[in-house]
Amino acid sequence: DLASPKPTLYERVGDFARTRAAVWLVFAWAFAEALWWPVIPDF
């Protein structure tokens, strides 16, 4: 495992985007932005 190539940042973000956690994070981010959070969910 140490000798094998490590996933790139792009691959790690992509792996996260394919999880349920990413979907819930996006949902929570958008919900919070509609109330107070200043950064749009599109980001």
All heavy atoms as atom14 arrays in JSON, in Angstrom:
{
  "sequence": "DLASPKPTLYERVGDFARTRAAVWLVFAWAFAEALWWPVIPDF",
  "atom14_mask": [
    [1, 1, 1, 1, 1, 1, 1, 1, 0, 0, 0, 0, 0, 0],
    [1, 1, 1, 1, 1, 1, 1, 1, 0, 0, 0, 0, 0, 0],
    [1, 1, 1, 1, 1, 0, 0, 0, 0, 0, 0, 0, 0, 0],
    [1, 1, 1, 1, 1, 1, 0, 0, 0, 0, 0, 0, 0, 0],
    [1, 1, 1, 1, 1, 1, 1, 0, 0, 0, 0, 0, 0, 0],
    [1, 1, 1, 1, 1, 1, 1, 1, 1, 0, 0, 0, 0, 0],
    [1, 1, 1, 1, 1, 1, 1, 0, 0, 0, 0, 0, 0, 0],
    [1, 1, 1, 1, 1, 1, 1, 0, 0, 0, 0, 0, 0, 0],
    [1, 1, 1, 1, 1, 1, 1, 1, 0, 0, 0, 0, 0, 0],
    [1, 1, 1, 1, 1, 1, 1, 1, 1, 1, 1, 1, 0, 0],
    [1, 1, 1, 1, 1, 1, 1, 1, 1, 0, 0, 0, 0, 0],
    [1, 1, 1, 1, 1, 1, 1, 1, 1, 1, 1, 0, 0, 0],
    [1, 1, 1, 1, 1, 1, 1, 0, 0, 0, 0, 0, 0, 0],
    [1, 1, 1, 1, 0, 0, 0, 0, 0, 0, 0, 0, 0, 0],
    [1, 1, 1, 1, 1, 1, 1, 1, 0, 0, 0, 0, 0, 0],
    [1, 1, 1, 1, 1, 1, 1, 1, 1, 1, 1, 0, 0, 0],
    [1, 1, 1, 1, 1, 0, 0, 0, 0, 0, 0, 0, 0, 0],
    [1, 1, 1, 1, 1, 1, 1, 1, 1, 1, 1, 0, 0, 0],
    [1, 1, 1, 1, 1, 1, 1, 0, 0, 0, 0, 0, 0, 0],
    [1, 1, 1, 1, 1, 1, 1, 1, 1, 1, 1, 0, 0, 0],
    [1, 1, 1, 1, 1, 0, 0, 0, 0, 0, 0, 0, 0, 0],
    [1, 1, 1, 1, 1, 0, 0, 0, 0, 0, 0, 0, 0, 0],
    [1, 1, 1, 1, 1, 1, 1, 0, 0, 0, 0, 0, 0, 0],
    [1, 1, 1, 1, 1, 1, 1, 1, 1, 1, 1, 1, 1, 1],
    [1, 1, 1, 1, 1, 1, 1, 1, 0, 0, 0, 0, 0, 0],
    [1, 1, 1, 1, 1, 1, 1, 0, 0, 0, 0, 0, 0, 0],
    [1, 1, 1, 1, 1, 1, 1, 1, 1, 1, 1, 0, 0, 0],
    [1, 1, 1, 1, 1, 0, 0, 0, 0, 0, 0, 0, 0, 0],
    [1, 1, 1, 1, 1, 1, 1, 1, 1, 1, 1, 1, 1, 1],
    [1, 1, 1, 1, 1, 0, 0, 0, 0, 0, 0, 0, 0, 0],
    [1, 1, 1, 1, 1, 1, 1, 1, 1, 1, 1, 0, 0, 0],
    [1, 1, 1, 1, 1, 0, 0, 0, 0, 0, 0, 0, 0, 0],
    [1, 1, 1, 1, 1, 1, 1, 1, 1, 0, 0, 0, 0, 0],
    [1, 1, 1, 1, 1, 0, 0, 0, 0, 0, 0, 0, 0, 0],
    [1, 1, 1, 1, 1, 1, 1, 1, 0, 0, 0, 0, 0, 0],
    [1, 1, 1, 1, 1, 1, 1, 1, 1, 1, 1, 1, 1, 1],
    [1, 1, 1, 1, 1, 1, 1, 1, 1, 1, 1, 1, 1, 1],
    [1, 1, 1, 1, 1, 1, 1, 0, 0, 0, 0, 0, 0, 0],
    [1, 1, 1, 1, 1, 1, 1, 0, 0, 0, 0, 0, 0, 0],
    [1, 1, 1, 1, 1, 1, 1, 1, 0, 0, 0, 0, 0, 0],
    [1, 1, 1, 1, 1, 1, 1, 0, 0, 0, 0, 0, 0, 0],
    [1, 1, 1, 1, 1, 1, 1, 1, 0, 0, 0, 0, 0, 0],
    [1, 1, 1, 1, 1, 1, 1, 1, 1, 1, 1, 0, 0, 0]
  ],
  "atom14_positions": [
    [[0.83, -1.21, 0.0], [0.0, 0.0, 0.0], [0.87, 1.26, 0.0], [0.55, 2.25, -0.67], [-0.92, 0.02, 1.22], [-2.06, -0.97, 1.1], [-2.28, -1.49, 0.0], [-2.72, -1.22, 2.13], [0.0, 0.0, 0.0], [0.0, 0.0, 0.0], [0.0, 0.0, 0.0], [0.0, 0.0, 0.0], [0.0, 0.0, 0.0], [0.0, 0.0, 0.0]],
    [[1.97, 1.22, 0.76], [2.87, 2.38, 0.78], [3.52, 2.61, -0.57], [3.77, 3.75, -0.97], [3.95, 2.19, 1.85], [3.52, 2.24, 3.31], [4.74, 2.07, 4.21], [2.82, 3.55, 3.63], [0.0, 0.0, 0.0], [0.0, 0.0, 0.0], [0.0, 0.0, 0.0], [0.0, 0.0, 0.0], [0.0, 0.0, 0.0], [0.0, 0.0, 0.0]],
    [[3.8, 1.51, -1.28], [4.49, 1.64, -2.57], [3.55, 1.99, -3.71], [4.0, 2.46, -4.76], [5.21, 0.33, -2.9], [0.0, 0.0, 0.0], [0.0, 0.0, 0.0], [0.0, 0.0, 0.0], [0.0, 0.0, 0.0], [0.0, 0.0, 0.0], [0.0, 0.0, 0.0], [0.0, 0.0, 0.0], [0.0, 0.0, 0.0], [0.0, 0.0, 0.0]],
    [[2.24, 1.78, -3.51], [1.29, 2.05, -4.6], [1.04, 3.54, -4.72], [1.16, 4.28, -3.75], [-0.03, 1.32, -4.33], [-0.61, 1.78, -3.13], [0.0, 0.0, 0.0], [0.0, 0.0, 0.0], [0.0, 0.0, 0.0], [0.0, 0.0, 0.0], [0.0, 0.0, 0.0], [0.0, 0.0, 0.0], [0.0, 0.0, 0.0], [0.0, 0.0, 0.0]],
    [[0.69, 4.0, -5.92], [0.44, 5.43, -6.13], [-0.73, 5.92, -5.26], [-1.73, 5.24, -5.11], [0.08, 5.52, -7.62], [0.61, 4.26, -8.22], [0.55, 3.22, -7.15], [0.0, 0.0, 0.0], [0.0, 0.0, 0.0], [0.0, 0.0, 0.0], [0.0, 0.0, 0.0], [0.0, 0.0, 0.0], [0.0, 0.0, 0.0], [0.0, 0.0, 0.0]],
    [[-0.56, 7.1, -4.68], [-1.6, 7.68, -3.84], [-2.63, 8.41, -4.71], [-2.27, 8.99, -5.74], [-0.99, 8.65, -2.83], [0.05, 8.0, -1.92], [-0.58, 6.89, -1.11], [0.42, 6.23, -0.17], [1.46, 5.48, -0.86], [0.0, 0.0, 0.0], [0.0, 0.0, 0.0], [0.0, 0.0, 0.0], [0.0, 0.0, 0.0], [0.0, 0.0, 0.0]],
    [[-3.9, 8.37, -4.32], [-4.92, 9.08, -5.1], [-4.65, 10.58, -5.14], [-4.19, 11.16, -4.16], [-6.22, 8.77, -4.36], [-5.8, 8.4, -2.97], [-4.46, 7.74, -3.13], [0.0, 0.0, 0.0], [0.0, 0.0, 0.0], [0.0, 0.0, 0.0], [0.0, 0.0, 0.0], [0.0, 0.0, 0.0], [0.0, 0.0, 0.0], [0.0, 0.0, 0.0]],
    [[-4.91, 11.19, -6.27], [-4.74, 12.63, -6.41], [-5.86, 13.36, -5.67], [-6.87, 12.75, -5.28], [-4.76, 13.04, -7.89], [-6.07, 12.74, -8.43], [-3.7, 12.29, -8.68], [0.0, 0.0, 0.0], [0.0, 0.0, 0.0], [0.0, 0.0, 0.0], [0.0, 0.0, 0.0], [0.0, 0.0, 0.0], [0.0, 0.0, 0.0], [0.0, 0.0, 0.0]],
    [[-5.68, 14.66, -5.49], [-6.72, 15.47, -4.85], [-8.01, 15.39, -5.65], [-9.11, 15.29, -5.08], [-6.26, 16.93, -4.74], [-7.27, 17.92, -4.16], [-7.64, 17.54, -2.74], [-6.7, 19.34, -4.21], [0.0, 0.0, 0.0], [0.0, 0.0, 0.0], [0.0, 0.0, 0.0], [0.0, 0.0, 0.0], [0.0, 0.0, 0.0], [0.0, 0.0, 0.0]],
    [[-7.9, 15.4, -6.97], [-9.07, 15.3, -7.84], [-9.81, 13.99, -7.6], [-11.05, 13.96, -7.5], [-8.6, 15.39, -9.3], [-9.69, 15.21, -10.32], [-10.64, 16.2, -10.53], [-9.76, 14.06, -11.1], [-11.64, 16.05, -11.48], [-10.76, 13.89, -12.06], [-11.69, 14.89, -12.25], [-12.67, 14.74, -13.18], [0.0, 0.0, 0.0], [0.0, 0.0, 0.0]],
    [[-9.07, 12.89, -7.45], [-9.69, 11.59, -7.2], [-10.33, 11.53, -5.82], [-11.41, 10.95, -5.66], [-8.64, 10.48, -7.35], [-8.18, 10.28, -8.79], [-6.96, 9.37, -8.9], [-6.2, 9.26, -7.91], [-6.78, 8.78, -9.97], [0.0, 0.0, 0.0], [0.0, 0.0, 0.0], [0.0, 0.0, 0.0], [0.0, 0.0, 0.0], [0.0, 0.0, 0.0]],
    [[-9.68, 12.13, -4.83], [-10.25, 12.11, -3.48], [-11.54, 12.92, -3.42], [-12.51, 12.5, -2.78], [-9.24, 12.65, -2.46], [-8.04, 11.74, -2.26], [-7.33, 12.05, -0.96], [-6.74, 13.38, -0.93], [-5.52, 13.68, -1.34], [-4.75, 12.73, -1.86], [-5.06, 14.91, -1.26], [0.0, 0.0, 0.0], [0.0, 0.0, 0.0], [0.0, 0.0, 0.0]],
    [[-11.56, 14.08, -4.08], [-12.8, 14.87, -4.11], [-13.89, 14.11, -4.86], [-15.05, 14.09, -4.44], [-12.54, 16.24, -4.76], [-13.85, 17.02, -4.94], [-11.57, 17.07, -3.92], [0.0, 0.0, 0.0], [0.0, 0.0, 0.0], [0.0, 0.0, 0.0], [0.0, 0.0, 0.0], [0.0, 0.0, 0.0], [0.0, 0.0, 0.0], [0.0, 0.0, 0.0]],
    [[-13.51, 13.45, -5.96], [-14.48, 12.68, -6.72], [-15.04, 11.52, -5.92], [-16.24, 11.24, -5.95], [0.0, 0.0, 0.0], [0.0, 0.0, 0.0], [0.0, 0.0, 0.0], [0.0, 0.0, 0.0], [0.0, 0.0, 0.0], [0.0, 0.0, 0.0], [0.0, 0.0, 0.0], [0.0, 0.0, 0.0], [0.0, 0.0, 0.0], [0.0, 0.0, 0.0]],
    [[-14.17, 10.84, -5.16], [-14.63, 9.73, -4.32], [-15.62, 10.23, -3.27], [-16.63, 9.58, -2.98], [-13.44, 9.05, -3.63], [-12.58, 8.25, -4.6], [-13.06, 7.95, -5.71], [-11.42, 7.95, -4.26], [0.0, 0.0, 0.0], [0.0, 0.0, 0.0], [0.0, 0.0, 0.0], [0.0, 0.0, 0.0], [0.0, 0.0, 0.0], [0.0, 0.0, 0.0]],
    [[-15.31, 11.4, -2.68], [-16.23, 11.95, -1.68], [-17.56, 12.34, -2.33], [-18.63, 12.11, -1.76], [-15.62, 13.17, -1.0], [-16.57, 13.88, -0.07], [-16.93, 13.3, 1.13], [-17.12, 15.1, -0.43], [-17.83, 13.94, 1.99], [-18.02, 15.74, 0.41], [-18.37, 15.15, 1.62], [0.0, 0.0, 0.0], [0.0, 0.0, 0.0], [0.0, 0.0, 0.0]],
    [[-17.5, 12.92, -3.52], [-18.72, 13.36, -4.2], [-19.67, 12.2, -4.49], [-20.87, 12.41, -4.65], [-18.36, 14.08, -5.5], [0.0, 0.0, 0.0], [0.0, 0.0, 0.0], [0.0, 0.0, 0.0], [0.0, 0.0, 0.0], [0.0, 0.0, 0.0], [0.0, 0.0, 0.0], [0.0, 0.0, 0.0], [0.0, 0.0, 0.0], [0.0, 0.0, 0.0]],
    [[-19.14, 10.98, -4.53], [-19.96, 9.81, -4.82], [-20.55, 9.17, -3.57], [-21.17, 8.11, -3.64], [-19.13, 8.78, -5.6], [-18.67, 9.3, -6.97], [-17.83, 8.28, -7.71], [-17.3, 8.84, -8.96], [-16.13, 9.43, -9.07], [-15.33, 9.52, -8.0], [-15.73, 9.94, -10.22], [0.0, 0.0, 0.0], [0.0, 0.0, 0.0], [0.0, 0.0, 0.0]],
    [[-20.36, 9.78, -2.42], [-20.88, 9.24, -1.18], [-22.19, 9.92, -0.78], [-22.51, 11.02, -1.25], [-19.86, 9.43, -0.04], [-19.68, 10.84, 0.22], [-18.51, 8.81, -0.41], [0.0, 0.0, 0.0], [0.0, 0.0, 0.0], [0.0, 0.0, 0.0], [0.0, 0.0, 0.0], [0.0, 0.0, 0.0], [0.0, 0.0, 0.0], [0.0, 0.0, 0.0]],
    [[-22.91, 9.26, 0.12], [-24.13, 9.87, 0.67], [-23.79, 11.11, 1.49], [-24.58, 12.06, 1.54], [-24.86, 8.86, 1.56], [-25.53, 7.73, 0.79], [-26.29, 6.84, 1.76], [-26.95, 5.74, 1.07], [-27.68, 4.82, 1.68], [-27.84, 4.88, 3.0], [-28.25, 3.85, 0.99], [0.0, 0.0, 0.0], [0.0, 0.0, 0.0], [0.0, 0.0, 0.0]],
    [[-22.62, 11.08, 2.13], [-22.23, 12.22, 2.95], [-22.16, 13.5, 2.12], [-22.52, 14.58, 2.6], [-20.88, 11.95, 3.61], [0.0, 0.0, 0.0], [0.0, 0.0, 0.0], [0.0, 0.0, 0.0], [0.0, 0.0, 0.0], [0.0, 0.0, 0.0], [0.0, 0.0, 0.0], [0.0, 0.0, 0.0], [0.0, 0.0, 0.0], [0.0, 0.0, 0.0]],
    [[-21.7, 13.38, 0.87], [-21.62, 14.55, 0.0], [-23.01, 15.11, -0.3], [-23.23, 16.33, -0.3], [-20.9, 14.2, -1.3], [0.0, 0.0, 0.0], [0.0, 0.0, 0.0], [0.0, 0.0, 0.0], [0.0, 0.0, 0.0], [0.0, 0.0, 0.0], [0.0, 0.0, 0.0], [0.0, 0.0, 0.0], [0.0, 0.0, 0.0], [0.0, 0.0, 0.0]],
    [[-23.96, 14.22, -0.52], [-25.33, 14.66, -0.81], [-25.92, 15.4, 0.39], [-26.52, 16.47, 0.27], [-26.21, 13.45, -1.19], [-27.66, 13.89, -1.4], [-25.68, 12.8, -2.46], [0.0, 0.0, 0.0], [0.0, 0.0, 0.0], [0.0, 0.0, 0.0], [0.0, 0.0, 0.0], [0.0, 0.0, 0.0], [0.0, 0.0, 0.0], [0.0, 0.0, 0.0]],
    [[-25.7, 14.83, 1.59], [-26.22, 15.48, 2.79], [-25.5, 16.79, 3.07], [-26.11, 17.75, 3.56], [-26.11, 14.53, 3.98], [-27.17, 13.49, 4.0], [-27.04, 12.15, 3.77], [-28.57, 13.7, 4.25], [-28.24, 11.51, 3.86], [-29.21, 12.44, 4.16], [-29.34, 14.82, 4.55], [-30.58, 12.29, 4.35], [-30.7, 14.67, 4.74], [-31.31, 13.41, 4.64]],
    [[-24.21, 16.84, 2.79], [-23.46, 18.08, 2.99], [-24.0, 19.18, 2.08], [-24.2, 20.33, 2.52], [-21.97, 17.86, 2.72], [-21.08, 19.12, 2.77], [-21.15, 19.75, 4.16], [-19.65, 18.79, 2.39], [0.0, 0.0, 0.0], [0.0, 0.0, 0.0], [0.0, 0.0, 0.0], [0.0, 0.0, 0.0], [0.0, 0.0, 0.0], [0.0, 0.0, 0.0]],
    [[-24.23, 18.86, 0.83], [-24.77, 19.83, -0.12], [-26.15, 20.31, 0.34], [-26.47, 21.51, 0.3], [-24.83, 19.2, -1.53], [-25.74, 20.02, -2.44], [-23.44, 19.1, -2.13], [0.0, 0.0, 0.0], [0.0, 0.0, 0.0], [0.0, 0.0, 0.0], [0.0, 0.0, 0.0], [0.0, 0.0, 0.0], [0.0, 0.0, 0.0], [0.0, 0.0, 0.0]],
    [[-26.98, 19.36, 0.78], [-28.32, 19.71, 1.26], [-28.24, 20.65, 2.46], [-28.91, 21.69, 2.51], [-29.08, 18.43, 1.64], [-30.45, 18.67, 2.21], [-31.55, 18.75, 1.38], [-30.64, 18.81, 3.58], [-32.83, 18.98, 1.9], [-31.89, 19.05, 4.12], [-33.0, 19.13, 3.27], [0.0, 0.0, 0.0], [0.0, 0.0, 0.0], [0.0, 0.0, 0.0]],
    [[-27.39, 20.3, 3.43], [-27.26, 21.11, 4.65], [-26.68, 22.49, 4.33], [-27.1, 23.5, 4.91], [-26.38, 20.39, 5.67], [0.0, 0.0, 0.0], [0.0, 0.0, 0.0], [0.0, 0.0, 0.0], [0.0, 0.0, 0.0], [0.0, 0.0, 0.0], [0.0, 0.0, 0.0], [0.0, 0.0, 0.0], [0.0, 0.0, 0.0], [0.0, 0.0, 0.0]],
    [[-25.7, 22.53, 3.44], [-25.08, 23.8, 3.03], [-26.14, 24.72, 2.42], [-26.23, 25.91, 2.77], [-23.97, 23.51, 2.02], [-23.15, 24.68, 1.58], [-23.58, 25.84, 1.0], [-21.71, 24.8, 1.67], [-22.52, 26.66, 0.7], [-21.36, 26.05, 1.11], [-20.7, 23.97, 2.13], [-20.04, 26.48, 1.01], [-19.39, 24.4, 2.03], [-19.06, 25.64, 1.49]],
    [[-26.95, 24.18, 1.51], [-27.97, 24.98, 0.84], [-29.04, 25.45, 1.82], [-29.52, 26.59, 1.75], [-28.6, 24.16, -0.29], [0.0, 0.0, 0.0], [0.0, 0.0, 0.0], [0.0, 0.0, 0.0], [0.0, 0.0, 0.0], [0.0, 0.0, 0.0], [0.0, 0.0, 0.0], [0.0, 0.0, 0.0], [0.0, 0.0, 0.0], [0.0, 0.0, 0.0]],
    [[-29.42, 24.57, 2.74], [-30.41, 24.93, 3.75], [-29.89, 26.09, 4.61], [-30.6, 27.07, 4.87], [-30.73, 23.72, 4.63], [-31.75, 23.99, 5.7], [-33.1, 23.85, 5.42], [-31.36, 24.38, 6.96], [-34.06, 24.1, 6.41], [-32.3, 24.63, 7.95], [-33.65, 24.49, 7.67], [0.0, 0.0, 0.0], [0.0, 0.0, 0.0], [0.0, 0.0, 0.0]],
    [[-28.63, 25.96, 5.05], [-28.04, 27.0, 5.9], [-27.89, 28.31, 5.15], [-28.1, 29.4, 5.71], [-26.69, 26.53, 6.42], [0.0, 0.0, 0.0], [0.0, 0.0, 0.0], [0.0, 0.0, 0.0], [0.0, 0.0, 0.0], [0.0, 0.0, 0.0], [0.0, 0.0, 0.0], [0.0, 0.0, 0.0], [0.0, 0.0, 0.0], [0.0, 0.0, 0.0]],
    [[-27.56, 28.24, 3.85], [-27.37, 29.47, 3.07], [-28.68, 30.23, 2.9], [-28.7, 31.45, 2.8], [-26.77, 29.12, 1.71], [-26.26, 30.32, 0.91], [-27.34, 30.96, 0.05], [-28.32, 30.25, -0.28], [-27.19, 32.15, -0.31], [0.0, 0.0, 0.0], [0.0, 0.0, 0.0], [0.0, 0.0, 0.0], [0.0, 0.0, 0.0], [0.0, 0.0, 0.0]],
    [[-29.78, 29.49, 2.88], [-31.08, 30.13, 2.74], [-31.51, 30.85, 4.02], [-32.45, 31.65, 3.99], [-32.14, 29.09, 2.35], [0.0, 0.0, 0.0], [0.0, 0.0, 0.0], [0.0, 0.0, 0.0], [0.0, 0.0, 0.0], [0.0, 0.0, 0.0], [0.0, 0.0, 0.0], [0.0, 0.0, 0.0], [0.0, 0.0, 0.0], [0.0, 0.0, 0.0]],
    [[-30.8, 30.57, 5.11], [-31.11, 31.22, 6.38], [-30.09, 32.28, 6.77], [-30.45, 33.4, 7.14], [-31.19, 30.18, 7.5], [-32.38, 29.21, 7.45], [-32.16, 28.07, 8.42], [-33.67, 29.96, 7.8], [0.0, 0.0, 0.0], [0.0, 0.0, 0.0], [0.0, 0.0, 0.0], [0.0, 0.0, 0.0], [0.0, 0.0, 0.0], [0.0, 0.0, 0.0]],
    [[-28.8, 31.91, 6.7], [-27.78, 32.83, 7.22], [-26.4, 32.64, 6.58], [-25.68, 33.6, 6.36], [-27.65, 32.63, 8.73], [-26.68, 33.55, 9.38], [-26.9, 34.86, 9.73], [-25.31, 33.27, 9.74], [-25.76, 35.4, 10.31], [-24.78, 34.44, 10.32], [-24.52, 32.14, 9.65], [-23.46, 34.5, 10.79], [-23.21, 32.2, 10.12], [-22.7, 33.37, 10.68]],
    [[-26.0, 31.39, 6.29], [-24.67, 31.09, 5.76], [-24.4, 31.93, 4.51], [-25.24, 31.97, 3.6], [-24.57, 29.6, 5.46], [-23.27, 29.14, 4.89], [-23.07, 28.62, 3.64], [-21.98, 29.13, 5.52], [-21.75, 28.28, 3.46], [-21.06, 28.59, 4.6], [-21.52, 29.53, 6.76], [-19.7, 28.45, 4.9], [-20.18, 29.39, 7.06], [-19.29, 28.85, 6.13]],
    [[-23.25, 32.6, 4.41], [-23.05, 33.57, 3.34], [-22.59, 33.02, 1.99], [-22.61, 33.76, 1.01], [-21.97, 34.5, 3.92], [-21.18, 33.62, 4.83], [-22.17, 32.67, 5.43], [0.0, 0.0, 0.0], [0.0, 0.0, 0.0], [0.0, 0.0, 0.0], [0.0, 0.0, 0.0], [0.0, 0.0, 0.0], [0.0, 0.0, 0.0], [0.0, 0.0, 0.0]],
    [[-22.15, 31.76, 1.92], [-21.58, 31.23, 0.67], [-22.61, 30.36, -0.04], [-23.13, 29.4, 0.53], [-20.3, 30.42, 0.95], [-19.69, 29.93, -0.37], [-19.29, 31.25, 1.72], [0.0, 0.0, 0.0], [0.0, 0.0, 0.0], [0.0, 0.0, 0.0], [0.0, 0.0, 0.0], [0.0, 0.0, 0.0], [0.0, 0.0, 0.0], [0.0, 0.0, 0.0]],
    [[-22.87, 30.67, -1.3], [-23.91, 29.99, -2.06], [-23.59, 28.5, -2.24], [-22.42, 28.11, -2.33], [-24.09, 30.65, -3.45], [-22.75, 30.66, -4.22], [-24.65, 32.05, -3.31], [-22.87, 31.19, -5.63], [0.0, 0.0, 0.0], [0.0, 0.0, 0.0], [0.0, 0.0, 0.0], [0.0, 0.0, 0.0], [0.0, 0.0, 0.0], [0.0, 0.0, 0.0]],
    [[-24.61, 27.63, -2.3], [-24.36, 26.2, -2.48], [-23.74, 25.86, -3.83], [-23.07, 24.84, -3.97], [-25.76, 25.58, -2.33], [-26.71, 26.69, -2.63], [-26.05, 27.93, -2.15], [0.0, 0.0, 0.0], [0.0, 0.0, 0.0], [0.0, 0.0, 0.0], [0.0, 0.0, 0.0], [0.0, 0.0, 0.0], [0.0, 0.0, 0.0], [0.0, 0.0, 0.0]],
    [[-23.94, 26.73, -4.81], [-23.36, 26.51, -6.13], [-21.84, 26.35, -6.04], [-21.23, 25.61, -6.82], [-23.66, 27.68, -7.07], [-25.09, 28.17, -6.98], [-25.61, 28.24, -5.85], [-25.67, 28.49, -8.02], [0.0, 0.0, 0.0], [0.0, 0.0, 0.0], [0.0, 0.0, 0.0], [0.0, 0.0, 0.0], [0.0, 0.0, 0.0], [0.0, 0.0, 0.0]],
    [[-21.22, 27.07, -5.1], [-19.77, 27.0, -4.91], [-19.32, 25.57, -4.67], [-18.36, 25.1, -5.27], [-19.39, 27.89, -3.73], [-17.94, 27.8, -3.32], [-16.98, 28.55, -3.97], [-17.55, 26.97, -2.28], [-15.64, 28.47, -3.61], [-16.22, 26.88, -1.9], [-15.26, 27.63, -2.57], [0.0, 0.0, 0.0], [0.0, 0.0, 0.0], [0.0, 0.0, 0.0]]
  ]
}
